[in-house]
Amino acid sequence: MSPHGRPRFEVRVSRRADGVGLALVGALDEHSGLKELPTKVDGKVVYIDLAEVERINSCGVRDWMQMIADMSANARVVLTNCSPAIVAQLNFVHRFAGNAIIESILMPYVCPFCESEKKISVSAAQFSRPGFEPPDCQCTDCKVAMVFDDYPQSYLAFSSAR
C-alpha cells in the first residue's frame, strides 16, 4: 500500500529478443504514470502482461488509451494475460486496446464449495473460435470442477466486436 492507502502501482521491465516486456501490477489510475511509459521502452515489440492489474478508474482509462496510441506509433503492442479488470474495459470502452494485439486473457473461476478463486490464461486463438466454451478448471483444494465466474457471452463480447 502507498502512504495514501492506495494499492501501489509497479512496472516490471524485462528484455526480450524482439523488444521489451512490461508487467503492470496494481491499479491503473491517475497515479500510475502510464503516460511516461512509451518514452521508457524501445524495440519492435512491446509485450504488456496485465495479469496483476486489479482495477482501473476513468483517469487510468484515459492515460492507458494515450499510452497505447503512443506505443503503437513506434512498435507492435501485444497484450497478454488480460485480467478481468482489463477485460471489463475491453467490453465497455470503444477501442480500449487501440491497435494492440490481444494475445491472451485470464478467465475467472470460483469453487462452488470452498469459494476459492482461480484465473486461467486462454489464448485469443482459443476464445475467438465460434462456439467457444470456457475450459474446465479444477479446484486445487476440493478437487471438484470450478465454475466460470461470469457469463461467457458477455465476458467475451469484445472478441466478437474486434
Protein backbone atom coordinates (compact mmCIF):
# COMPACT_ATOMS: atom_id res chain seq x y z
CA MET A 1 0.00 0.00 0.00
CA SER A 2 1.09 3.53 -0.64
CA PRO A 3 1.14 6.07 2.21
CA HIS A 4 -2.26 7.30 0.95
CA GLY A 5 -3.92 3.87 1.28
CA ARG A 6 -3.90 3.19 -2.48
CA PRO A 7 -2.52 -0.08 -3.84
CA ARG A 8 0.98 0.51 -5.20
CA PHE A 9 1.44 0.53 -8.94
CA GLU A 10 4.51 -1.14 -10.32
CA VAL A 11 6.01 -1.76 -13.73
CA ARG A 12 8.36 -4.70 -14.12
CA VAL A 13 10.54 -4.43 -17.22
CA SER A 14 12.22 -7.35 -18.96
CA ARG A 15 14.22 -7.58 -22.17
CA ARG A 16 13.06 -9.91 -24.92
CA ALA A 17 14.82 -10.88 -28.13
CA ASP A 18 12.48 -8.76 -30.27
CA GLY A 19 11.64 -6.00 -27.83
CA VAL A 20 10.64 -5.39 -24.26
CA GLY A 21 8.24 -6.92 -21.76
CA LEU A 22 6.26 -4.86 -19.28
CA ALA A 23 4.30 -6.39 -16.40
CA LEU A 24 1.85 -3.90 -14.91
CA VAL A 25 0.90 -4.53 -11.29
CA GLY A 26 -1.78 -2.82 -9.20
CA ALA A 27 -4.34 -0.17 -10.05
CA LEU A 28 -4.31 1.90 -13.23
CA ASP A 29 -5.24 5.40 -12.13
CA GLU A 30 -4.01 9.00 -12.17
CA HIS A 31 -1.00 7.96 -10.05
CA SER A 32 0.24 5.18 -12.34
CA GLY A 33 2.40 7.28 -14.64
CA LEU A 34 1.21 5.44 -17.74
CA LYS A 35 1.76 8.46 -19.98
CA GLU A 36 5.52 8.29 -19.34
CA LEU A 37 5.88 4.57 -20.20
CA PRO A 38 6.20 4.98 -24.00
CA THR A 39 9.36 7.05 -23.53
CA LYS A 40 10.93 4.26 -21.47
CA VAL A 41 10.53 1.41 -23.95
CA ASP A 42 12.33 0.60 -27.13
CA GLY A 43 12.15 -2.30 -29.51
CA LYS A 44 10.00 -3.54 -32.31
CA VAL A 45 7.53 -5.27 -30.00
CA VAL A 46 6.20 -4.31 -26.57
CA TYR A 47 4.61 -7.17 -24.64
CA ILE A 48 2.37 -5.93 -21.82
CA ASP A 49 1.43 -8.55 -19.20
CA LEU A 50 -1.75 -7.43 -17.45
CA ALA A 51 -2.36 -10.41 -15.13
CA GLU A 52 -1.90 -8.33 -11.98
CA VAL A 53 -3.96 -5.26 -12.90
CA GLU A 54 -6.58 -5.12 -10.17
CA ARG A 55 -8.71 -2.16 -11.20
CA ILE A 56 -8.88 0.87 -13.47
CA ASN A 57 -10.54 4.22 -12.89
CA SER A 58 -11.55 6.80 -15.51
CA CYS A 59 -8.21 8.62 -15.32
CA GLY A 60 -6.46 5.28 -15.77
CA VAL A 61 -8.57 4.57 -18.87
CA ARG A 62 -7.64 7.95 -20.35
CA ASP A 63 -3.94 7.51 -19.64
CA TRP A 64 -3.99 3.89 -20.84
CA MET A 65 -5.53 4.82 -24.19
CA GLN A 66 -2.93 7.56 -24.72
CA MET A 67 -0.13 5.18 -23.75
CA ILE A 68 -1.33 2.51 -26.19
CA ALA A 69 -1.62 5.07 -29.00
CA ASP A 70 1.88 6.42 -28.32
CA MET A 71 3.47 2.96 -28.08
CA SER A 72 1.67 1.71 -31.20
CA ALA A 73 3.15 4.59 -33.22
CA ASN A 74 6.64 3.08 -32.81
CA ALA A 75 6.16 -0.62 -32.04
CA ARG A 76 3.80 -3.53 -32.24
CA VAL A 77 1.99 -3.80 -28.90
CA VAL A 78 0.89 -7.22 -27.62
CA LEU A 79 -1.39 -7.57 -24.57
CA THR A 80 -1.04 -10.80 -22.60
CA ASN A 81 -2.94 -12.26 -19.66
CA CYS A 82 -5.57 -9.51 -19.66
CA SER A 83 -7.03 -9.56 -16.14
CA PRO A 84 -10.80 -9.43 -15.55
CA ALA A 85 -10.42 -5.68 -14.86
CA ILE A 86 -8.86 -5.23 -18.32
CA VAL A 87 -11.44 -7.47 -19.99
CA ALA A 88 -14.20 -5.33 -18.45
CA GLN A 89 -12.67 -2.24 -20.07
CA LEU A 90 -12.27 -4.05 -23.40
CA ASN A 91 -16.01 -4.67 -23.23
CA PHE A 92 -17.07 -1.18 -22.13
CA VAL A 93 -14.64 1.28 -23.73
CA HIS A 94 -14.60 1.55 -27.52
CA ARG A 95 -11.06 0.95 -28.88
CA PHE A 96 -9.64 0.40 -25.39
CA ALA A 97 -6.93 -1.81 -26.91
CA GLY A 98 -6.27 0.63 -29.75
CA ASN A 99 -4.08 -1.12 -32.34
CA ALA A 100 -2.68 -3.59 -29.80
CA ILE A 101 -2.94 -7.32 -30.38
CA ILE A 102 -4.73 -9.23 -27.63
CA GLU A 103 -2.77 -12.45 -27.23
CA SER A 104 -4.46 -13.90 -24.13
CA ILE A 105 -6.93 -13.18 -21.34
CA LEU A 106 -7.44 -14.52 -17.84
CA MET A 107 -10.75 -16.24 -17.20
CA PRO A 108 -12.01 -16.17 -13.59
CA TYR A 109 -13.32 -19.29 -11.82
CA VAL A 110 -14.75 -19.93 -8.36
CA CYS A 111 -15.14 -23.16 -6.40
CA PRO A 112 -18.79 -23.87 -5.52
CA PHE A 113 -17.73 -25.47 -2.22
CA CYS A 114 -14.79 -23.60 -0.68
CA GLU A 115 -15.24 -20.38 -2.73
CA SER A 116 -11.57 -20.28 -3.67
CA GLU A 117 -10.81 -18.37 -6.86
CA LYS A 118 -8.53 -19.10 -9.77
CA LYS A 119 -7.77 -17.42 -13.07
CA ILE A 120 -6.57 -19.36 -16.09
CA SER A 121 -4.96 -17.94 -19.20
CA VAL A 122 -6.72 -18.57 -22.51
CA SER A 123 -5.22 -17.61 -25.85
CA ALA A 124 -7.04 -15.48 -28.40
CA ALA A 125 -6.77 -18.39 -30.82
CA GLN A 126 -8.98 -20.35 -28.41
CA PHE A 127 -11.57 -17.79 -27.24
CA SER A 128 -12.04 -16.29 -30.72
CA ARG A 129 -13.32 -19.56 -32.19
CA PRO A 130 -17.07 -19.79 -32.84
CA GLY A 131 -18.83 -21.81 -30.15
CA PHE A 132 -16.00 -21.37 -27.62
CA GLU A 133 -16.88 -22.53 -24.11
CA PRO A 134 -14.78 -21.73 -21.02
CA PRO A 135 -12.33 -24.58 -20.40
CA ASP A 136 -12.72 -26.93 -17.46
CA CYS A 137 -10.94 -25.90 -14.29
CA GLN A 138 -10.44 -27.93 -11.12
CA CYS A 139 -10.23 -26.57 -7.58
CA THR A 140 -6.78 -27.20 -6.16
CA ASP A 141 -8.17 -27.77 -2.65
CA CYS A 142 -11.50 -29.58 -3.21
CA LYS A 143 -10.60 -31.36 -6.46
CA VAL A 144 -14.04 -30.51 -7.89
CA ALA A 145 -14.96 -28.64 -11.03
CA MET A 146 -14.84 -24.89 -10.60
CA VAL A 147 -17.48 -22.62 -12.13
CA PHE A 148 -16.68 -19.85 -14.60
CA ASP A 149 -17.36 -16.67 -12.63
CA ASP A 150 -19.14 -14.63 -15.32
CA TYR A 151 -21.39 -15.06 -18.33
CA PRO A 152 -19.20 -16.30 -21.21
CA GLN A 153 -21.04 -14.31 -23.89
CA SER A 154 -20.75 -11.01 -22.01
CA TYR A 155 -17.20 -11.65 -20.75
CA LEU A 156 -16.02 -12.32 -24.29
CA ALA A 157 -18.18 -9.73 -26.05
CA PHE A 158 -15.11 -7.65 -27.01
CA SER A 159 -13.74 -10.53 -29.12
CA SER A 160 -16.73 -10.57 -31.47
CA ALA A 161 -16.57 -6.77 -31.83
CA ARG A 162 -12.93 -6.92 -32.99
